[in-house]
Amino acid sequence: MCDFNGYHEASSDVFCLVKLQVINCFTIVHSIGSERVLKQRGIPIPFGEPYLGNDYETTKFVRENTTIPVVQSMEYWVSDDTQWWLMSNLPGDTLLSVWDLLNSEQQHAVIREIVDYIAQARECTRSTPQTADGAPIRDTLLGSDNRVEMMTTDKEEWYTRITPYLDGESDDLKKYFKDNYPVKPGDKFVLTHGDLNPSNIMVQDGHVTGILDWEHSGFYPEWWEWAYCLRRTQVFSNYGDLLRAELGARFGKFDSQHYFCKNYDRISWKEQHTRNKDYKFRSRG
């Protein structure tokens, strides 16, 4: 089996003794016959605390509470600094691999199916941000990239976290962040995938056959999927534009929240810069 762990994930140098179905800098997937796959993912640790994500728990929740197509069987375990999933295969190809082969009508049809499934997920709600099994959930849009920071509805707690990024910024910007934090007590938190890039969607014959990789999912504010789409899917041809348009038509546009996230990005780079400046290569052992 592959000797793949958090060290390899951080360095993106992967050496494996077996033939692989898929390789990227985060995940390796092995085919086991035609019906099962074994996925391994290193637990990222060099830049902060290890975080395992919510894939197993959310996939189980989605399978039991919706008709969204997900893998029908999944076993999960952690060994040393590697996570493992043994799961059933889903038919078709990733949307990423076939997107540019689809004509405009087919692309729009697939987008509508994706948003239909998003609508179904949004029917599952909670009164606080949390994972599918009720645990605190990591903040992937307004939290740190270097540390595990959980989403909070307490604006004072959140503002305290970002205070180091505001050094040298104007009083107006500081007031803006303090007054406009968009995660509030009493909001409705809906089941959200949180990473709907086309590599996480399976299609066959022009239809969605599965949605994968729910590790960033959970019960987030209603605007979360919209904000993610605007910030993280634009690199995938016109996929992000079409998804954004359909999301806006179905659920409304959340421009003020998106604008807040963009402003947060502008200051949070300071932590990224500090991390890169201070980082020293760490070999295994």
C-alpha atoms as a PDB file:
ATOM      1  CA  MET A   1       0.000   0.000   0.000  1.00  0.00           C
ATOM      2  CA  CYS A   2       1.081   3.586  -0.499  1.00  0.00           C
ATOM      3  CA  ASP A   3       3.289   5.239   2.074  1.00  0.00           C
ATOM      4  CA  PHE A   4       1.255   8.479   2.032  1.00  0.00           C
ATOM      5  CA  ASN A   5       0.757  10.727   5.026  1.00  0.00           C
ATOM      6  CA  GLY A   6       0.517  14.333   6.177  1.00  0.00           C
ATOM      7  CA  TYR A   7       4.159  14.967   5.316  1.00  0.00           C
ATOM      8  CA  HIS A   8       3.495  14.086   1.673  1.00  0.00           C
ATOM      9  CA  GLU A   9       0.319  16.139   1.613  1.00  0.00           C
ATOM     10  CA  ALA A  10       2.206  19.236   2.741  1.00  0.00           C
ATOM     11  CA  SER A  11       5.102  18.764   0.344  1.00  0.00           C
ATOM     12  CA  SER A  12       3.078  17.375  -2.593  1.00  0.00           C
ATOM     13  CA  ASP A  13       5.860  14.840  -3.205  1.00  0.00           C
ATOM     14  CA  VAL A  14       4.097  11.482  -3.508  1.00  0.00           C
ATOM     15  CA  PHE A  15       5.801   8.189  -4.262  1.00  0.00           C
ATOM     16  CA  CYS A  16       3.676   5.077  -4.513  1.00  0.00           C
ATOM     17  CA  LEU A  17       4.336   1.444  -5.308  1.00  0.00           C
ATOM     18  CA  VAL A  18       0.913   0.640  -6.794  1.00  0.00           C
ATOM     19  CA  LYS A  19      -1.026   1.893  -9.792  1.00  0.00           C
ATOM     20  CA  LEU A  20      -3.390   4.708  -8.853  1.00  0.00           C
ATOM     21  CA  GLN A  21      -6.791   5.660 -10.155  1.00  0.00           C
ATOM     22  CA  VAL A  22      -6.498   9.321  -9.155  1.00  0.00           C
ATOM     23  CA  ILE A  23      -3.670  11.493  -7.824  1.00  0.00           C
ATOM     24  CA  ASN A  24      -3.775  15.089  -6.708  1.00  0.00           C
ATOM     25  CA  CYS A  25      -1.847  16.957  -4.065  1.00  0.00           C
ATOM     26  CA  PHE A  26      -4.397  16.059  -1.393  1.00  0.00           C
ATOM     27  CA  THR A  27      -5.847  12.626  -2.052  1.00  0.00           C
ATOM     28  CA  ILE A  28      -4.944   9.281  -3.575  1.00  0.00           C
ATOM     29  CA  VAL A  29      -7.626   6.841  -4.709  1.00  0.00           C
ATOM     30  CA  HIS A  30      -7.031   3.172  -5.499  1.00  0.00           C
ATOM     31  CA  SER A  31      -9.486   1.118  -7.537  1.00  0.00           C
ATOM     32  CA  ILE A  32     -10.394  -2.233  -6.002  1.00  0.00           C
ATOM     33  CA  GLY A  33     -12.091  -4.091  -8.823  1.00  0.00           C
ATOM     34  CA  SER A  34     -15.002  -2.260 -10.421  1.00  0.00           C
ATOM     35  CA  GLU A  35     -17.175  -1.768  -7.350  1.00  0.00           C
ATOM     36  CA  ARG A  36     -14.995  -0.343  -4.568  1.00  0.00           C
ATOM     37  CA  VAL A  37     -12.321   2.287  -4.057  1.00  0.00           C
ATOM     38  CA  LEU A  38      -9.830   2.915  -1.280  1.00  0.00           C
ATOM     39  CA  LYS A  39      -9.150   6.583  -0.637  1.00  0.00           C
ATOM     40  CA  GLN A  40      -6.264   7.803   1.489  1.00  0.00           C
ATOM     41  CA  ARG A  41      -5.601  11.329   2.601  1.00  0.00           C
ATOM     42  CA  GLY A  42      -2.829  12.643   4.779  1.00  0.00           C
ATOM     43  CA  ILE A  43      -3.789  14.560   7.900  1.00  0.00           C
ATOM     44  CA  PRO A  44      -2.319  18.036   7.378  1.00  0.00           C
ATOM     45  CA  ILE A  45      -0.203  18.959  10.382  1.00  0.00           C
ATOM     46  CA  PRO A  46       2.867  21.090   9.479  1.00  0.00           C
ATOM     47  CA  PHE A  47       0.989  24.411   9.500  1.00  0.00           C
ATOM     48  CA  GLY A  48      -1.287  23.837  12.466  1.00  0.00           C
ATOM     49  CA  GLU A  49      -3.493  21.386  14.261  1.00  0.00           C
ATOM     50  CA  PRO A  50      -4.688  18.200  12.554  1.00  0.00           C
ATOM     51  CA  TYR A  51      -8.266  18.345  11.309  1.00  0.00           C
ATOM     52  CA  LEU A  52     -10.059  15.249  10.051  1.00  0.00           C
ATOM     53  CA  GLY A  53     -13.129  16.795   8.441  1.00  0.00           C
ATOM     54  CA  ASN A  54     -16.693  15.503   8.266  1.00  0.00           C
ATOM     55  CA  ASP A  55     -16.810  13.238   5.214  1.00  0.00           C
ATOM     56  CA  TYR A  56     -17.861   9.994   6.882  1.00  0.00           C
ATOM     57  CA  GLU A  57     -20.461  11.493   9.235  1.00  0.00           C
ATOM     58  CA  THR A  58     -22.058  13.727   6.604  1.00  0.00           C
ATOM     59  CA  THR A  59     -22.143  11.071   3.891  1.00  0.00           C
ATOM     60  CA  LYS A  60     -24.000   8.804   6.313  1.00  0.00           C
ATOM     61  CA  PHE A  61     -26.410  11.607   7.244  1.00  0.00           C
ATOM     62  CA  VAL A  62     -27.096  12.495   3.604  1.00  0.00           C
ATOM     63  CA  ARG A  63     -27.626   8.850   2.658  1.00  0.00           C
ATOM     64  CA  GLU A  64     -30.142   8.343   5.478  1.00  0.00           C
ATOM     65  CA  ASN A  65     -32.027  11.651   5.225  1.00  0.00           C
ATOM     66  CA  THR A  66     -32.077  12.679   1.559  1.00  0.00           C
ATOM     67  CA  THR A  67     -32.119  11.230  -1.945  1.00  0.00           C
ATOM     68  CA  ILE A  68     -28.895  13.019  -2.890  1.00  0.00           C
ATOM     69  CA  PRO A  69     -26.691  10.401  -4.583  1.00  0.00           C
ATOM     70  CA  VAL A  70     -23.710   9.552  -2.378  1.00  0.00           C
ATOM     71  CA  VAL A  71     -21.637   6.418  -1.872  1.00  0.00           C
ATOM     72  CA  GLN A  72     -23.815   3.652  -0.438  1.00  0.00           C
ATOM     73  CA  SER A  73     -21.216   2.033   1.780  1.00  0.00           C
ATOM     74  CA  MET A  74     -18.227   3.570   3.516  1.00  0.00           C
ATOM     75  CA  GLU A  75     -15.779   2.429   6.158  1.00  0.00           C
ATOM     76  CA  TYR A  76     -13.447   4.955   7.726  1.00  0.00           C
ATOM     77  CA  TRP A  77     -10.384   4.727   9.955  1.00  0.00           C
ATOM     78  CA  VAL A  78      -7.233   6.618  10.874  1.00  0.00           C
ATOM     79  CA  SER A  79      -3.792   5.022  10.926  1.00  0.00           C
ATOM     80  CA  ASP A  80      -0.835   7.076  12.148  1.00  0.00           C
ATOM     81  CA  ASP A  81      -1.076  10.327  10.172  1.00  0.00           C
ATOM     82  CA  THR A  82      -3.268   9.035   7.344  1.00  0.00           C
ATOM     83  CA  GLN A  83      -7.041   8.814   6.931  1.00  0.00           C
ATOM     84  CA  TRP A  84      -8.560   5.894   5.012  1.00  0.00           C
ATOM     85  CA  TRP A  85     -11.948   5.377   3.391  1.00  0.00           C
ATOM     86  CA  LEU A  86     -13.064   2.073   1.870  1.00  0.00           C
ATOM     87  CA  MET A  87     -16.220   2.775  -0.080  1.00  0.00           C
ATOM     88  CA  SER A  88     -18.456   1.721  -2.917  1.00  0.00           C
ATOM     89  CA  ASN A  89     -17.843   3.203  -6.334  1.00  0.00           C
ATOM     90  CA  LEU A  90     -20.152   5.666  -8.050  1.00  0.00           C
ATOM     91  CA  PRO A  91     -20.893   5.346 -11.774  1.00  0.00           C
ATOM     92  CA  GLY A  92     -19.593   7.822 -14.307  1.00  0.00           C
ATOM     93  CA  ASP A  93     -16.755  10.319 -14.449  1.00  0.00           C
ATOM     94  CA  THR A  94     -15.944  13.437 -12.505  1.00  0.00           C
ATOM     95  CA  LEU A  95     -17.635  16.514 -13.881  1.00  0.00           C
ATOM     96  CA  LEU A  96     -14.204  18.124 -14.041  1.00  0.00           C
ATOM     97  CA  SER A  97     -13.018  15.545 -16.568  1.00  0.00           C
ATOM     98  CA  VAL A  98     -16.001  15.918 -18.933  1.00  0.00           C
ATOM     99  CA  TRP A  99     -17.213  19.485 -18.416  1.00  0.00           C
ATOM    100  CA  ASP A 100     -15.585  20.931 -21.526  1.00  0.00           C
ATOM    101  CA  LEU A 101     -16.974  18.035 -23.596  1.00  0.00           C
ATOM    102  CA  LEU A 102     -20.569  18.974 -22.762  1.00  0.00           C
ATOM    103  CA  ASN A 103     -22.500  21.381 -24.943  1.00  0.00           C
ATOM    104  CA  SER A 104     -24.180  24.433 -23.441  1.00  0.00           C
ATOM    105  CA  GLU A 105     -27.545  22.740 -22.992  1.00  0.00           C
ATOM    106  CA  GLN A 106     -25.960  19.781 -21.224  1.00  0.00           C
ATOM    107  CA  GLN A 107     -23.913  22.052 -18.950  1.00  0.00           C
ATOM    108  CA  HIS A 108     -27.011  23.979 -17.911  1.00  0.00           C
ATOM    109  CA  ALA A 109     -28.920  20.735 -17.287  1.00  0.00           C
ATOM    110  CA  VAL A 110     -26.163  19.401 -15.020  1.00  0.00           C
ATOM    111  CA  ILE A 111     -26.023  22.689 -13.105  1.00  0.00           C
ATOM    112  CA  ARG A 112     -29.784  22.558 -12.548  1.00  0.00           C
ATOM    113  CA  GLU A 113     -29.476  19.017 -11.164  1.00  0.00           C
ATOM    114  CA  ILE A 114     -26.681  20.074  -8.813  1.00  0.00           C
ATOM    115  CA  VAL A 115     -28.766  22.967  -7.501  1.00  0.00           C
ATOM    116  CA  ASP A 116     -31.793  20.664  -7.122  1.00  0.00           C
ATOM    117  CA  TYR A 117     -29.668  18.556  -4.779  1.00  0.00           C
ATOM    118  CA  ILE A 118     -28.440  21.670  -2.970  1.00  0.00           C
ATOM    119  CA  ALA A 119     -32.086  22.660  -2.452  1.00  0.00           C
ATOM    120  CA  GLN A 120     -32.803  19.265  -0.945  1.00  0.00           C
ATOM    121  CA  ALA A 121     -29.821  19.557   1.391  1.00  0.00           C
ATOM    122  CA  ARG A 122     -30.986  23.009   2.498  1.00  0.00           C
ATOM    123  CA  GLU A 123     -34.219  21.493   3.789  1.00  0.00           C
ATOM    124  CA  CYS A 124     -32.108  20.006   6.606  1.00  0.00           C
ATOM    125  CA  THR A 125     -31.590  22.773   9.161  1.00  0.00           C
ATOM    126  CA  ARG A 126     -30.181  23.434  12.624  1.00  0.00           C
ATOM    127  CA  SER A 127     -30.346  26.415  14.967  1.00  0.00           C
ATOM    128  CA  THR A 128     -26.560  26.634  15.417  1.00  0.00           C
ATOM    129  CA  PRO A 129     -23.535  25.964  13.175  1.00  0.00           C
ATOM    130  CA  GLN A 130     -22.459  22.346  13.577  1.00  0.00           C
ATOM    131  CA  THR A 131     -21.392  19.165  11.818  1.00  0.00           C
ATOM    132  CA  ALA A 132     -23.832  16.451  10.815  1.00  0.00           C
ATOM    133  CA  ASP A 133     -23.272  14.702  14.141  1.00  0.00           C
ATOM    134  CA  GLY A 134     -23.677  17.869  16.215  1.00  0.00           C
ATOM    135  CA  ALA A 135     -20.037  18.782  16.846  1.00  0.00           C
ATOM    136  CA  PRO A 136     -18.561  22.292  16.415  1.00  0.00           C
ATOM    137  CA  ILE A 137     -17.670  22.988  12.793  1.00  0.00           C
ATOM    138  CA  ARG A 138     -14.551  24.504  11.297  1.00  0.00           C
ATOM    139  CA  ASP A 139     -14.876  27.953   9.766  1.00  0.00           C
ATOM    140  CA  THR A 140     -13.420  27.597   6.275  1.00  0.00           C
ATOM    141  CA  LEU A 141     -14.335  31.058   4.964  1.00  0.00           C
ATOM    142  CA  LEU A 142     -13.861  33.435   7.898  1.00  0.00           C
ATOM    143  CA  GLY A 143     -11.389  31.400   9.923  1.00  0.00           C
ATOM    144  CA  SER A 144      -7.678  30.709   9.793  1.00  0.00           C
ATOM    145  CA  ASP A 145      -6.047  28.595   7.091  1.00  0.00           C
ATOM    146  CA  ASN A 146      -3.273  27.741   9.543  1.00  0.00           C
ATOM    147  CA  ARG A 147      -5.215  26.752  12.642  1.00  0.00           C
ATOM    148  CA  VAL A 148      -8.467  24.951  13.352  1.00  0.00           C
ATOM    149  CA  GLU A 149     -10.928  27.703  14.260  1.00  0.00           C
ATOM    150  CA  MET A 150     -14.552  26.770  14.803  1.00  0.00           C
ATOM    151  CA  MET A 151     -17.427  28.855  13.514  1.00  0.00           C
ATOM    152  CA  THR A 152     -18.953  31.119  16.120  1.00  0.00           C
ATOM    153  CA  THR A 153     -22.082  33.247  16.287  1.00  0.00           C
ATOM    154  CA  ASP A 154     -20.355  35.522  18.822  1.00  0.00           C
ATOM    155  CA  LYS A 155     -19.085  38.540  16.893  1.00  0.00           C
ATOM    156  CA  GLU A 156     -16.868  39.653  19.780  1.00  0.00           C
ATOM    157  CA  GLU A 157     -15.125  36.270  19.833  1.00  0.00           C
ATOM    158  CA  TRP A 158     -14.616  36.400  16.069  1.00  0.00           C
ATOM    159  CA  TYR A 159     -13.372  39.991  16.150  1.00  0.00           C
ATOM    160  CA  THR A 160     -10.825  39.099  18.828  1.00  0.00           C
ATOM    161  CA  ARG A 161      -9.470  36.396  16.516  1.00  0.00           C
ATOM    162  CA  ILE A 162      -8.891  38.779  13.624  1.00  0.00           C
ATOM    163  CA  THR A 163      -7.517  41.694  15.657  1.00  0.00           C
ATOM    164  CA  PRO A 164      -3.872  40.811  14.768  1.00  0.00           C
ATOM    165  CA  TYR A 165      -4.742  41.126  11.046  1.00  0.00           C
ATOM    166  CA  LEU A 166      -6.095  44.653  11.577  1.00  0.00           C
ATOM    167  CA  ASP A 167      -2.811  46.197  12.652  1.00  0.00           C
ATOM    168  CA  GLY A 168      -2.287  49.290  10.527  1.00  0.00           C
ATOM    169  CA  GLU A 169      -5.796  49.229   9.061  1.00  0.00           C
ATOM    170  CA  SER A 170      -8.164  52.182   9.232  1.00  0.00           C
ATOM    171  CA  ASP A 171     -10.635  52.712  12.056  1.00  0.00           C
ATOM    172  CA  ASP A 172     -13.429  52.566   9.479  1.00  0.00           C
ATOM    173  CA  LEU A 173     -12.391  49.085   8.385  1.00  0.00           C
ATOM    174  CA  LYS A 174     -12.115  47.900  11.979  1.00  0.00           C
ATOM    175  CA  LYS A 175     -15.607  49.208  12.668  1.00  0.00           C
ATOM    176  CA  TYR A 176     -16.897  47.568   9.492  1.00  0.00           C
ATOM    177  CA  PHE A 177     -15.675  44.157  10.591  1.00  0.00           C
ATOM    178  CA  LYS A 178     -16.967  44.568  14.124  1.00  0.00           C
ATOM    179  CA  ASP A 179     -20.426  45.759  13.051  1.00  0.00           C
ATOM    180  CA  ASN A 180     -21.097  43.497  10.077  1.00  0.00           C
ATOM    181  CA  TYR A 181     -20.009  39.982  11.067  1.00  0.00           C
ATOM    182  CA  PRO A 182     -22.532  37.894   9.077  1.00  0.00           C
ATOM    183  CA  VAL A 183     -22.870  34.800  11.309  1.00  0.00           C
ATOM    184  CA  LYS A 184     -25.509  35.676  13.874  1.00  0.00           C
ATOM    185  CA  PRO A 185     -27.393  33.988  16.711  1.00  0.00           C
ATOM    186  CA  GLY A 186     -30.885  33.057  15.573  1.00  0.00           C
ATOM    187  CA  ASP A 187     -29.883  32.506  11.939  1.00  0.00           C
ATOM    188  CA  LYS A 188     -31.009  29.378  10.138  1.00  0.00           C
ATOM    189  CA  PHE A 189     -28.116  27.037   9.408  1.00  0.00           C
ATOM    190  CA  VAL A 190     -28.635  24.728   6.441  1.00  0.00           C
ATOM    191  CA  LEU A 191     -26.857  21.578   5.347  1.00  0.00           C
ATOM    192  CA  THR A 192     -24.120  22.767   3.011  1.00  0.00           C
ATOM    193  CA  HIS A 193     -21.575  20.794   0.999  1.00  0.00           C
ATOM    194  CA  GLY A 194     -18.968  23.530   1.205  1.00  0.00           C
ATOM    195  CA  ASP A 195     -16.754  22.438  -1.703  1.00  0.00           C
ATOM    196  CA  LEU A 196     -18.870  21.975  -4.818  1.00  0.00           C
ATOM    197  CA  ASN A 197     -16.030  22.069  -7.302  1.00  0.00           C
ATOM    198  CA  PRO A 198     -16.511  19.813 -10.348  1.00  0.00           C
ATOM    199  CA  SER A 199     -13.975  17.229  -9.170  1.00  0.00           C
ATOM    200  CA  ASN A 200     -16.422  16.345  -6.375  1.00  0.00           C
ATOM    201  CA  ILE A 201     -19.368  15.648  -8.683  1.00  0.00           C
ATOM    202  CA  MET A 202     -19.862  12.444 -10.688  1.00  0.00           C
ATOM    203  CA  VAL A 203     -21.858  12.435 -13.929  1.00  0.00           C
ATOM    204  CA  GLN A 204     -22.929   9.894 -16.512  1.00  0.00           C
ATOM    205  CA  ASP A 205     -24.948  10.413 -19.703  1.00  0.00           C
ATOM    206  CA  GLY A 206     -25.468  14.066 -18.837  1.00  0.00           C
ATOM    207  CA  HIS A 207     -26.849  13.474 -15.340  1.00  0.00           C
ATOM    208  CA  VAL A 208     -25.430  13.734 -11.832  1.00  0.00           C
ATOM    209  CA  THR A 209     -24.720  10.284 -10.386  1.00  0.00           C
ATOM    210  CA  GLY A 210     -23.011  11.272  -7.167  1.00  0.00           C
ATOM    211  CA  ILE A 211     -21.691  14.042  -4.946  1.00  0.00           C
ATOM    212  CA  LEU A 212     -18.447  13.235  -3.159  1.00  0.00           C
ATOM    213  CA  ASP A 213     -16.066  14.559  -0.524  1.00  0.00           C
ATOM    214  CA  TRP A 214     -18.268  16.048   2.187  1.00  0.00           C
ATOM    215  CA  GLU A 215     -15.342  16.762   4.527  1.00  0.00           C
ATOM    216  CA  HIS A 216     -16.018  20.530   4.517  1.00  0.00           C
ATOM    217  CA  SER A 217     -19.754  20.120   4.927  1.00  0.00           C
ATOM    218  CA  GLY A 218     -22.095  20.860   7.778  1.00  0.00           C
ATOM    219  CA  PHE A 219     -24.796  23.241   8.898  1.00  0.00           C
ATOM    220  CA  TYR A 220     -23.676  26.677   7.738  1.00  0.00           C
ATOM    221  CA  PRO A 221     -25.468  30.007   7.188  1.00  0.00           C
ATOM    222  CA  GLU A 222     -27.808  30.110   4.194  1.00  0.00           C
ATOM    223  CA  TRP A 223     -25.361  32.290   2.241  1.00  0.00           C
ATOM    224  CA  TRP A 224     -22.362  29.971   2.656  1.00  0.00           C
ATOM    225  CA  GLU A 225     -22.636  27.976  -0.584  1.00  0.00           C
ATOM    226  CA  TRP A 226     -23.113  31.220  -2.535  1.00  0.00           C
ATOM    227  CA  ALA A 227     -20.037  32.817  -0.995  1.00  0.00           C
ATOM    228  CA  TYR A 228     -17.963  29.702  -1.616  1.00  0.00           C
ATOM    229  CA  CYS A 229     -19.081  29.590  -5.237  1.00  0.00           C
ATOM    230  CA  LEU A 230     -18.065  33.205  -5.805  1.00  0.00           C
ATOM    231  CA  ARG A 231     -14.660  32.749  -4.186  1.00  0.00           C
ATOM    232  CA  ARG A 232     -13.512  29.245  -5.021  1.00  0.00           C
ATOM    233  CA  THR A 233     -14.978  27.924  -8.301  1.00  0.00           C
ATOM    234  CA  GLN A 234     -13.951  30.599 -10.793  1.00  0.00           C
ATOM    235  CA  VAL A 235     -10.911  28.622 -11.920  1.00  0.00           C
ATOM    236  CA  PHE A 236     -13.105  25.881 -13.424  1.00  0.00           C
ATOM    237  CA  SER A 237     -13.941  27.191 -16.908  1.00  0.00           C
ATOM    238  CA  ASN A 238     -17.484  28.648 -16.936  1.00  0.00           C
ATOM    239  CA  TYR A 239     -18.708  26.171 -14.323  1.00  0.00           C
ATOM    240  CA  GLY A 240     -18.529  28.693 -11.493  1.00  0.00           C
ATOM    241  CA  ASP A 241     -20.410  31.340 -13.480  1.00  0.00           C
ATOM    242  CA  LEU A 242     -23.272  28.975 -14.290  1.00  0.00           C
ATOM    243  CA  LEU A 243     -23.463  27.614 -10.756  1.00  0.00           C
ATOM    244  CA  ARG A 244     -23.483  31.116  -9.292  1.00  0.00           C
ATOM    245  CA  ALA A 245     -26.270  32.204 -11.656  1.00  0.00           C
ATOM    246  CA  GLU A 246     -28.453  29.202 -10.810  1.00  0.00           C
ATOM    247  CA  LEU A 247     -27.847  29.548  -7.070  1.00  0.00           C
ATOM    248  CA  GLY A 248     -28.788  33.219  -7.242  1.00  0.00           C
ATOM    249  CA  ALA A 249     -31.944  32.485  -9.210  1.00  0.00           C
ATOM    250  CA  ARG A 250     -33.069  29.758  -6.802  1.00  0.00           C
ATOM    251  CA  PHE A 251     -32.057  31.081  -3.392  1.00  0.00           C
ATOM    252  CA  GLY A 252     -31.303  34.761  -3.883  1.00  0.00           C
ATOM    253  CA  LYS A 253     -28.025  36.637  -3.949  1.00  0.00           C
ATOM    254  CA  PHE A 254     -26.055  37.285  -0.789  1.00  0.00           C
ATOM    255  CA  ASP A 255     -23.901  40.138  -2.001  1.00  0.00           C
ATOM    256  CA  SER A 256     -23.240  41.786   1.368  1.00  0.00           C
ATOM    257  CA  GLN A 257     -21.971  38.515   2.854  1.00  0.00           C
ATOM    258  CA  HIS A 258     -19.813  37.886  -0.207  1.00  0.00           C
ATOM    259  CA  TYR A 259     -18.404  41.407   0.059  1.00  0.00           C
ATOM    260  CA  PHE A 260     -17.614  40.800   3.736  1.00  0.00           C
ATOM    261  CA  CYS A 261     -15.738  37.596   2.845  1.00  0.00           C
ATOM    262  CA  LYS A 262     -13.745  39.427   0.174  1.00  0.00           C
ATOM    263  CA  ASN A 263     -12.728  42.075   2.686  1.00  0.00           C
ATOM    264  CA  TYR A 264     -11.707  39.367   5.130  1.00  0.00           C
ATOM    265  CA  ASP A 265      -9.534  37.790   2.429  1.00  0.00           C
ATOM    266  CA  ARG A 266      -7.781  41.117   1.990  1.00  0.00           C
ATOM    267  CA  ILE A 267      -6.606  41.182   5.609  1.00  0.00           C
ATOM    268  CA  SER A 268      -6.181  37.460   6.284  1.00  0.00           C
ATOM    269  CA  TRP A 269      -3.270  37.259   3.816  1.00  0.00           C
ATOM    270  CA  LYS A 270      -1.151  38.720   6.625  1.00  0.00           C
ATOM    271  CA  GLU A 271      -1.364  35.442   8.519  1.00  0.00           C
ATOM    272  CA  GLN A 272      -0.465  33.547   5.344  1.00  0.00           C
ATOM    273  CA  HIS A 273       2.547  35.827   4.836  1.00  0.00           C
ATOM    274  CA  THR A 274       3.711  35.263   8.415  1.00  0.00           C
ATOM    275  CA  ARG A 275       3.342  31.522   8.026  1.00  0.00           C
ATOM    276  CA  ASN A 276       5.380  31.450   4.819  1.00  0.00           C
ATOM    277  CA  LYS A 277       8.096  33.683   6.294  1.00  0.00           C
ATOM    278  CA  ASP A 278       8.440  31.601   9.453  1.00  0.00           C
ATOM    279  CA  TYR A 279       7.990  28.169   7.917  1.00  0.00           C
ATOM    280  CA  LYS A 280      10.980  25.856   8.016  1.00  0.00           C
ATOM    281  CA  PHE A 281      11.088  22.524   6.242  1.00  0.00           C
ATOM    282  CA  ARG A 282      10.358  19.681   8.598  1.00  0.00           C
ATOM    283  CA  SER A 283      11.301  16.189   7.562  1.00  0.00           C
ATOM    284  CA  ARG A 284       9.664  13.098   8.948  1.00  0.00           C
ATOM    285  CA  GLY A 285      11.123  12.012  12.252  1.00  0.00           C
END
